[in-house]
Amino acid sequence: MIKFFGGPLTGLALKITWVETAICSVVGMMITVALITFFGNYIQTFFTRIFQRGSEPKKKKKFTRSNRLAVRVRRKFGLMGISFLTPILFSPIGGAILALAFRYHKRDIMLNMLLSACVWGIIQSLFLYYAKDFFF
């Protein structure tokens, strides 16, 4: 759920087929995306209350390197670009938060993330399973 590439590595370690590995990777990512997409506001409120107790609010940097990258991806490619890069660059949690931050519709987020997870799940699983045979 944290890092998408961990699913295929775990599947390889457990010696399950690449198809099962790809399916489990997709399911893991989609559970994360669904939790963040539908319960993100509640999670944010919860953590904001916990971390702001007894402390003064800190000023955040508005333009960080990662913020600039996210805005650039959104401007060039939209939700499809964010979804496509989520498994390899942003992580499922980061990609879902990013898509919500740009105010995309929840249904669109889920659909695009599902397509991206399926594509990357198959690519990464196949790559790892065939690379294992090549190197070992």
N, C-alpha and C. Protein backbone atom coordinates (compact mmCIF):
# COMPACT_ATOMS: atom_id res chain seq x y z
N MET A 1 0.81 -1.20 0.00
CA MET A 1 0.00 0.00 0.00
C MET A 1 0.86 1.26 0.00
N ILE A 2 2.07 1.18 0.53
CA ILE A 2 2.92 2.36 0.62
C ILE A 2 3.67 2.58 -0.69
N LYS A 3 4.35 1.57 -1.16
CA LYS A 3 5.13 1.70 -2.39
C LYS A 3 4.72 0.58 -3.33
N PHE A 4 4.34 0.94 -4.54
CA PHE A 4 3.77 -0.02 -5.49
C PHE A 4 4.75 -1.12 -5.88
N PHE A 5 6.02 -0.80 -5.98
CA PHE A 5 7.02 -1.78 -6.42
C PHE A 5 7.22 -2.89 -5.39
N GLY A 6 6.80 -2.66 -4.16
CA GLY A 6 6.92 -3.68 -3.12
C GLY A 6 6.04 -4.89 -3.38
N GLY A 7 4.93 -4.71 -4.08
CA GLY A 7 4.02 -5.82 -4.38
C GLY A 7 4.67 -6.88 -5.25
N PRO A 8 5.22 -6.51 -6.40
CA PRO A 8 5.90 -7.52 -7.22
C PRO A 8 7.10 -8.16 -6.53
N LEU A 9 7.83 -7.38 -5.74
CA LEU A 9 8.96 -7.97 -5.00
C LEU A 9 8.47 -9.01 -3.99
N THR A 10 7.39 -8.69 -3.30
CA THR A 10 6.82 -9.62 -2.33
C THR A 10 6.29 -10.86 -3.03
N GLY A 11 5.62 -10.69 -4.16
CA GLY A 11 5.11 -11.84 -4.92
C GLY A 11 6.24 -12.75 -5.37
N LEU A 12 7.33 -12.16 -5.78
CA LEU A 12 8.50 -12.95 -6.19
C LEU A 12 9.07 -13.72 -5.00
N ALA A 13 9.14 -13.06 -3.85
CA ALA A 13 9.65 -13.71 -2.64
C ALA A 13 8.74 -14.84 -2.16
N LEU A 14 7.42 -14.67 -2.34
CA LEU A 14 6.47 -15.70 -1.93
C LEU A 14 6.30 -16.81 -2.96
N LYS A 15 6.94 -16.64 -4.12
CA LYS A 15 6.91 -17.63 -5.20
C LYS A 15 5.51 -17.90 -5.72
N ILE A 16 4.74 -16.82 -5.89
CA ILE A 16 3.44 -16.97 -6.52
C ILE A 16 3.59 -16.55 -7.98
N THR A 17 2.61 -16.85 -8.80
CA THR A 17 2.72 -16.55 -10.23
C THR A 17 2.71 -15.05 -10.47
N TRP A 18 3.17 -14.66 -11.65
CA TRP A 18 3.20 -13.23 -11.96
C TRP A 18 1.79 -12.65 -12.08
N VAL A 19 0.84 -13.48 -12.49
CA VAL A 19 -0.55 -13.02 -12.59
C VAL A 19 -1.11 -12.71 -11.20
N GLU A 20 -0.88 -13.62 -10.26
CA GLU A 20 -1.34 -13.39 -8.88
C GLU A 20 -0.65 -12.17 -8.28
N THR A 21 0.61 -12.03 -8.60
CA THR A 21 1.37 -10.87 -8.10
C THR A 21 0.80 -9.58 -8.65
N ALA A 22 0.51 -9.55 -9.94
CA ALA A 22 -0.05 -8.34 -10.56
C ALA A 22 -1.42 -8.02 -9.95
N ILE A 23 -2.25 -9.03 -9.77
CA ILE A 23 -3.58 -8.81 -9.19
C ILE A 23 -3.47 -8.27 -7.76
N CYS A 24 -2.60 -8.86 -6.97
CA CYS A 24 -2.43 -8.39 -5.59
C CYS A 24 -1.87 -6.97 -5.55
N SER A 25 -0.98 -6.63 -6.46
CA SER A 25 -0.44 -5.27 -6.53
C SER A 25 -1.54 -4.27 -6.85
N VAL A 26 -2.37 -4.62 -7.81
CA VAL A 26 -3.48 -3.74 -8.20
C VAL A 26 -4.45 -3.57 -7.04
N VAL A 27 -4.80 -4.66 -6.39
CA VAL A 27 -5.74 -4.60 -5.26
C VAL A 27 -5.15 -3.75 -4.13
N GLY A 28 -3.87 -3.94 -3.83
CA GLY A 28 -3.23 -3.16 -2.77
C GLY A 28 -3.25 -1.67 -3.07
N MET A 29 -2.93 -1.33 -4.31
CA MET A 29 -2.94 0.09 -4.68
C MET A 29 -4.35 0.66 -4.62
N MET A 30 -5.32 -0.08 -5.11
CA MET A 30 -6.68 0.43 -5.16
C MET A 30 -7.31 0.55 -3.77
N ILE A 31 -6.92 -0.31 -2.84
CA ILE A 31 -7.39 -0.14 -1.46
C ILE A 31 -6.88 1.18 -0.90
N THR A 32 -5.61 1.45 -1.14
CA THR A 32 -5.03 2.71 -0.67
C THR A 32 -5.69 3.91 -1.32
N VAL A 33 -5.84 3.86 -2.64
CA VAL A 33 -6.45 4.97 -3.36
C VAL A 33 -7.89 5.19 -2.89
N ALA A 34 -8.64 4.11 -2.69
CA ALA A 34 -10.03 4.24 -2.23
C ALA A 34 -10.09 4.85 -0.83
N LEU A 35 -9.22 4.39 0.06
CA LEU A 35 -9.22 4.95 1.42
C LEU A 35 -8.90 6.44 1.41
N ILE A 36 -7.89 6.82 0.66
CA ILE A 36 -7.50 8.23 0.60
C ILE A 36 -8.58 9.05 -0.11
N THR A 37 -9.12 8.52 -1.19
CA THR A 37 -10.10 9.27 -1.98
C THR A 37 -11.39 9.51 -1.20
N PHE A 38 -11.88 8.49 -0.53
CA PHE A 38 -13.18 8.62 0.13
C PHE A 38 -13.10 9.06 1.60
N PHE A 39 -11.96 8.84 2.23
CA PHE A 39 -11.83 9.22 3.64
C PHE A 39 -10.71 10.21 3.88
N GLY A 40 -10.17 10.80 2.83
CA GLY A 40 -9.03 11.71 2.93
C GLY A 40 -9.31 12.91 3.81
N ASN A 41 -10.50 13.48 3.71
CA ASN A 41 -10.83 14.65 4.54
C ASN A 41 -10.83 14.31 6.02
N TYR A 42 -11.38 13.14 6.36
CA TYR A 42 -11.41 12.72 7.76
C TYR A 42 -10.01 12.43 8.29
N ILE A 43 -9.20 11.79 7.46
CA ILE A 43 -7.83 11.48 7.85
C ILE A 43 -7.04 12.77 8.06
N GLN A 44 -7.20 13.72 7.16
CA GLN A 44 -6.50 15.00 7.27
C GLN A 44 -6.91 15.74 8.54
N THR A 45 -8.20 15.78 8.82
CA THR A 45 -8.69 16.45 10.02
C THR A 45 -8.14 15.79 11.27
N PHE A 46 -8.11 14.47 11.29
CA PHE A 46 -7.61 13.72 12.44
C PHE A 46 -6.14 14.06 12.71
N PHE A 47 -5.31 13.97 11.69
CA PHE A 47 -3.88 14.22 11.87
C PHE A 47 -3.58 15.69 12.14
N THR A 48 -4.38 16.58 11.58
CA THR A 48 -4.18 18.01 11.84
C THR A 48 -4.43 18.31 13.30
N ARG A 49 -5.47 17.73 13.86
CA ARG A 49 -5.76 17.94 15.28
C ARG A 49 -4.66 17.39 16.16
N ILE A 50 -4.15 16.22 15.82
CA ILE A 50 -3.11 15.59 16.65
C ILE A 50 -1.83 16.40 16.63
N PHE A 51 -1.39 16.82 15.46
CA PHE A 51 -0.09 17.46 15.34
C PHE A 51 -0.10 18.95 15.66
N GLN A 52 -1.26 19.56 15.75
CA GLN A 52 -1.31 20.98 16.06
C GLN A 52 -1.64 21.28 17.51
N ARG A 53 -1.82 20.27 18.31
CA ARG A 53 -2.11 20.49 19.73
C ARG A 53 -0.89 21.10 20.41
N GLY A 54 -1.09 22.21 21.04
CA GLY A 54 -0.03 22.81 21.84
C GLY A 54 1.11 23.40 21.04
N SER A 55 0.98 23.48 19.75
CA SER A 55 2.07 24.07 18.97
C SER A 55 1.53 25.16 18.07
N GLU A 56 2.43 26.06 17.73
CA GLU A 56 2.06 27.15 16.84
C GLU A 56 2.09 26.65 15.41
N PRO A 57 1.12 27.02 14.60
CA PRO A 57 1.15 26.58 13.20
C PRO A 57 2.40 27.10 12.49
N LYS A 58 3.04 26.21 11.75
CA LYS A 58 4.25 26.57 11.01
C LYS A 58 3.87 27.03 9.62
N LYS A 59 4.66 27.96 9.11
CA LYS A 59 4.44 28.40 7.74
C LYS A 59 5.04 27.35 6.80
N LYS A 60 4.24 26.94 5.83
CA LYS A 60 4.70 25.94 4.87
C LYS A 60 5.31 26.64 3.67
N LYS A 61 6.28 25.98 3.06
CA LYS A 61 6.81 26.47 1.81
C LYS A 61 5.77 26.21 0.74
N LYS A 62 5.46 27.20 -0.06
CA LYS A 62 4.44 27.02 -1.07
C LYS A 62 4.98 26.34 -2.32
N PHE A 63 6.20 26.67 -2.69
CA PHE A 63 6.74 26.16 -3.94
C PHE A 63 7.96 25.29 -3.68
N THR A 64 7.71 24.04 -3.40
CA THR A 64 8.80 23.10 -3.23
C THR A 64 9.07 22.41 -4.57
N ARG A 65 10.13 21.67 -4.62
CA ARG A 65 10.49 20.96 -5.85
C ARG A 65 9.41 19.95 -6.24
N SER A 66 8.91 19.23 -5.25
CA SER A 66 7.88 18.23 -5.55
C SER A 66 6.55 18.90 -5.97
N ASN A 67 6.23 20.05 -5.37
CA ASN A 67 5.02 20.77 -5.78
C ASN A 67 5.11 21.22 -7.22
N ARG A 68 6.27 21.71 -7.60
CA ARG A 68 6.46 22.17 -8.97
C ARG A 68 6.32 21.01 -9.96
N LEU A 69 6.88 19.85 -9.59
CA LEU A 69 6.77 18.67 -10.46
C LEU A 69 5.30 18.27 -10.62
N ALA A 70 4.57 18.26 -9.52
CA ALA A 70 3.16 17.88 -9.56
C ALA A 70 2.36 18.84 -10.43
N VAL A 71 2.60 20.11 -10.31
CA VAL A 71 1.88 21.10 -11.11
C VAL A 71 2.23 20.95 -12.58
N ARG A 72 3.50 20.70 -12.86
CA ARG A 72 3.93 20.51 -14.25
C ARG A 72 3.26 19.29 -14.88
N VAL A 73 3.19 18.19 -14.14
CA VAL A 73 2.52 16.98 -14.64
C VAL A 73 1.05 17.25 -14.87
N ARG A 74 0.41 17.94 -13.93
CA ARG A 74 -1.02 18.24 -14.08
C ARG A 74 -1.29 19.13 -15.30
N ARG A 75 -0.48 20.14 -15.49
CA ARG A 75 -0.70 21.05 -16.62
C ARG A 75 -0.50 20.35 -17.96
N LYS A 76 0.49 19.48 -18.03
CA LYS A 76 0.78 18.83 -19.31
C LYS A 76 -0.16 17.65 -19.59
N PHE A 77 -0.45 16.85 -18.56
CA PHE A 77 -1.14 15.58 -18.80
C PHE A 77 -2.44 15.41 -18.04
N GLY A 78 -2.73 16.25 -17.06
CA GLY A 78 -3.97 16.14 -16.30
C GLY A 78 -4.00 14.93 -15.38
N LEU A 79 -5.19 14.46 -15.11
CA LEU A 79 -5.38 13.32 -14.21
C LEU A 79 -4.74 12.05 -14.77
N MET A 80 -4.78 11.90 -16.08
CA MET A 80 -4.17 10.71 -16.70
C MET A 80 -2.67 10.67 -16.39
N GLY A 81 -2.00 11.79 -16.45
CA GLY A 81 -0.57 11.84 -16.15
C GLY A 81 -0.28 11.55 -14.70
N ILE A 82 -1.08 12.14 -13.81
CA ILE A 82 -0.90 11.87 -12.39
C ILE A 82 -1.11 10.39 -12.10
N SER A 83 -2.17 9.83 -12.67
CA SER A 83 -2.47 8.41 -12.46
C SER A 83 -1.38 7.52 -13.02
N PHE A 84 -0.89 7.86 -14.21
CA PHE A 84 0.14 7.05 -14.84
C PHE A 84 1.44 7.05 -14.04
N LEU A 85 1.79 8.18 -13.45
CA LEU A 85 3.04 8.29 -12.70
C LEU A 85 2.91 7.87 -11.23
N THR A 86 1.69 7.68 -10.77
CA THR A 86 1.49 7.34 -9.35
C THR A 86 2.25 6.09 -8.92
N PRO A 87 2.13 4.95 -9.60
CA PRO A 87 2.83 3.76 -9.10
C PRO A 87 4.36 3.88 -9.10
N ILE A 88 4.92 4.61 -10.04
CA ILE A 88 6.37 4.64 -10.14
C ILE A 88 7.02 5.87 -9.52
N LEU A 89 6.26 6.95 -9.37
CA LEU A 89 6.87 8.19 -8.90
C LEU A 89 6.24 8.72 -7.61
N PHE A 90 4.94 8.79 -7.56
CA PHE A 90 4.27 9.45 -6.44
C PHE A 90 3.90 8.50 -5.30
N SER A 91 3.80 7.21 -5.51
CA SER A 91 3.29 6.21 -4.59
C SER A 91 1.77 6.31 -4.54
N PRO A 92 1.07 5.23 -4.21
CA PRO A 92 -0.40 5.28 -4.20
C PRO A 92 -0.97 6.35 -3.28
N ILE A 93 -0.38 6.53 -2.12
CA ILE A 93 -0.88 7.55 -1.19
C ILE A 93 -0.67 8.94 -1.78
N GLY A 94 0.53 9.20 -2.27
CA GLY A 94 0.85 10.52 -2.82
C GLY A 94 0.03 10.85 -4.05
N GLY A 95 -0.16 9.88 -4.92
CA GLY A 95 -0.94 10.12 -6.13
C GLY A 95 -2.40 10.42 -5.84
N ALA A 96 -2.97 9.69 -4.89
CA ALA A 96 -4.37 9.93 -4.52
C ALA A 96 -4.54 11.30 -3.86
N ILE A 97 -3.61 11.65 -2.99
CA ILE A 97 -3.68 12.96 -2.34
C ILE A 97 -3.52 14.07 -3.38
N LEU A 98 -2.61 13.86 -4.30
CA LEU A 98 -2.38 14.85 -5.36
C LEU A 98 -3.61 15.04 -6.23
N ALA A 99 -4.23 13.94 -6.63
CA ALA A 99 -5.44 14.03 -7.46
C ALA A 99 -6.57 14.73 -6.71
N LEU A 100 -6.70 14.46 -5.42
CA LEU A 100 -7.71 15.15 -4.62
C LEU A 100 -7.38 16.63 -4.46
N ALA A 101 -6.12 16.94 -4.31
CA ALA A 101 -5.72 18.33 -4.14
C ALA A 101 -6.05 19.17 -5.38
N PHE A 102 -6.00 18.54 -6.54
CA PHE A 102 -6.33 19.24 -7.78
C PHE A 102 -7.82 19.18 -8.09
N ARG A 103 -8.61 18.67 -7.14
CA ARG A 103 -10.07 18.68 -7.21
C ARG A 103 -10.66 17.89 -8.37
N TYR A 104 -10.08 16.74 -8.66
CA TYR A 104 -10.68 15.86 -9.66
C TYR A 104 -11.83 15.10 -9.03
N HIS A 105 -12.79 14.68 -9.83
CA HIS A 105 -13.95 13.94 -9.35
C HIS A 105 -13.48 12.57 -8.85
N LYS A 106 -14.05 12.11 -7.75
CA LYS A 106 -13.62 10.86 -7.13
C LYS A 106 -13.78 9.65 -8.07
N ARG A 107 -14.84 9.63 -8.84
CA ARG A 107 -15.05 8.53 -9.78
C ARG A 107 -13.94 8.50 -10.83
N ASP A 108 -13.55 9.67 -11.31
CA ASP A 108 -12.48 9.76 -12.30
C ASP A 108 -11.14 9.34 -11.71
N ILE A 109 -10.90 9.72 -10.47
CA ILE A 109 -9.66 9.32 -9.79
C ILE A 109 -9.60 7.80 -9.71
N MET A 110 -10.70 7.18 -9.25
CA MET A 110 -10.70 5.73 -9.09
C MET A 110 -10.49 5.01 -10.43
N LEU A 111 -11.17 5.46 -11.46
CA LEU A 111 -11.06 4.81 -12.76
C LEU A 111 -9.65 4.95 -13.34
N ASN A 112 -9.10 6.15 -13.32
CA ASN A 112 -7.77 6.36 -13.87
C ASN A 112 -6.70 5.63 -13.07
N MET A 113 -6.83 5.63 -11.76
CA MET A 113 -5.87 4.92 -10.92
C MET A 113 -5.96 3.41 -11.15
N LEU A 114 -7.17 2.89 -11.36
CA LEU A 114 -7.34 1.47 -11.65
C LEU A 114 -6.65 1.09 -12.95
N LEU A 115 -6.85 1.89 -13.98
CA LEU A 115 -6.18 1.62 -15.26
C LEU A 115 -4.67 1.66 -15.11
N SER A 116 -4.18 2.65 -14.42
CA SER A 116 -2.75 2.78 -14.21
C SER A 116 -2.19 1.61 -13.39
N ALA A 117 -2.91 1.23 -12.35
CA ALA A 117 -2.46 0.12 -11.51
C ALA A 117 -2.41 -1.19 -12.30
N CYS A 118 -3.39 -1.40 -13.16
CA CYS A 118 -3.40 -2.62 -13.98
C CYS A 118 -2.21 -2.64 -14.94
N VAL A 119 -1.97 -1.53 -15.60
CA VAL A 119 -0.86 -1.47 -16.56
C VAL A 119 0.47 -1.67 -15.84
N TRP A 120 0.71 -0.89 -14.79
CA TRP A 120 1.98 -1.00 -14.09
C TRP A 120 2.12 -2.31 -13.32
N GLY A 121 1.03 -2.85 -12.81
CA GLY A 121 1.10 -4.14 -12.12
C GLY A 121 1.57 -5.24 -13.05
N ILE A 122 1.03 -5.25 -14.25
CA ILE A 122 1.43 -6.27 -15.23
C ILE A 122 2.87 -6.04 -15.68
N ILE A 123 3.21 -4.79 -16.00
CA ILE A 123 4.57 -4.49 -16.47
C ILE A 123 5.61 -4.84 -15.42
N GLN A 124 5.41 -4.39 -14.19
CA GLN A 124 6.40 -4.64 -13.15
C GLN A 124 6.49 -6.11 -12.77
N SER A 125 5.35 -6.78 -12.73
CA SER A 125 5.38 -8.21 -12.38
C SER A 125 6.09 -9.02 -13.46
N LEU A 126 5.73 -8.78 -14.70
CA LEU A 126 6.40 -9.49 -15.79
C LEU A 126 7.89 -9.18 -15.81
N PHE A 127 8.25 -7.92 -15.66
CA PHE A 127 9.65 -7.56 -15.68
C PHE A 127 10.43 -8.28 -14.58
N LEU A 128 9.91 -8.25 -13.36
CA LEU A 128 10.62 -8.90 -12.26
C LEU A 128 10.72 -10.40 -12.44
N TYR A 129 9.66 -11.04 -12.90
CA TYR A 129 9.68 -12.49 -13.04
C TYR A 129 10.62 -12.92 -14.16
N TYR A 130 10.69 -12.14 -15.25
CA TYR A 130 11.61 -12.50 -16.33
C TYR A 130 13.04 -12.05 -16.03
N ALA A 131 13.19 -10.95 -15.29
CA ALA A 131 14.53 -10.49 -14.91
C ALA A 131 15.14 -11.49 -13.92
N LYS A 132 14.32 -12.08 -13.07
CA LYS A 132 14.80 -13.08 -12.10
C LYS A 132 15.39 -14.26 -12.86
N ASP A 133 14.73 -14.71 -13.91
CA ASP A 133 15.25 -15.82 -14.70
C ASP A 133 16.52 -15.43 -15.44
N PHE A 134 16.63 -14.18 -15.84
CA PHE A 134 17.81 -13.70 -16.54
C PHE A 134 19.03 -13.61 -15.64
N PHE A 135 18.83 -13.08 -14.41
CA PHE A 135 19.95 -12.87 -13.51
C PHE A 135 20.31 -14.07 -12.66
N PHE A 136 19.35 -14.95 -12.39
CA PHE A 136 19.64 -16.08 -11.48
C PHE A 136 19.54 -17.37 -12.20
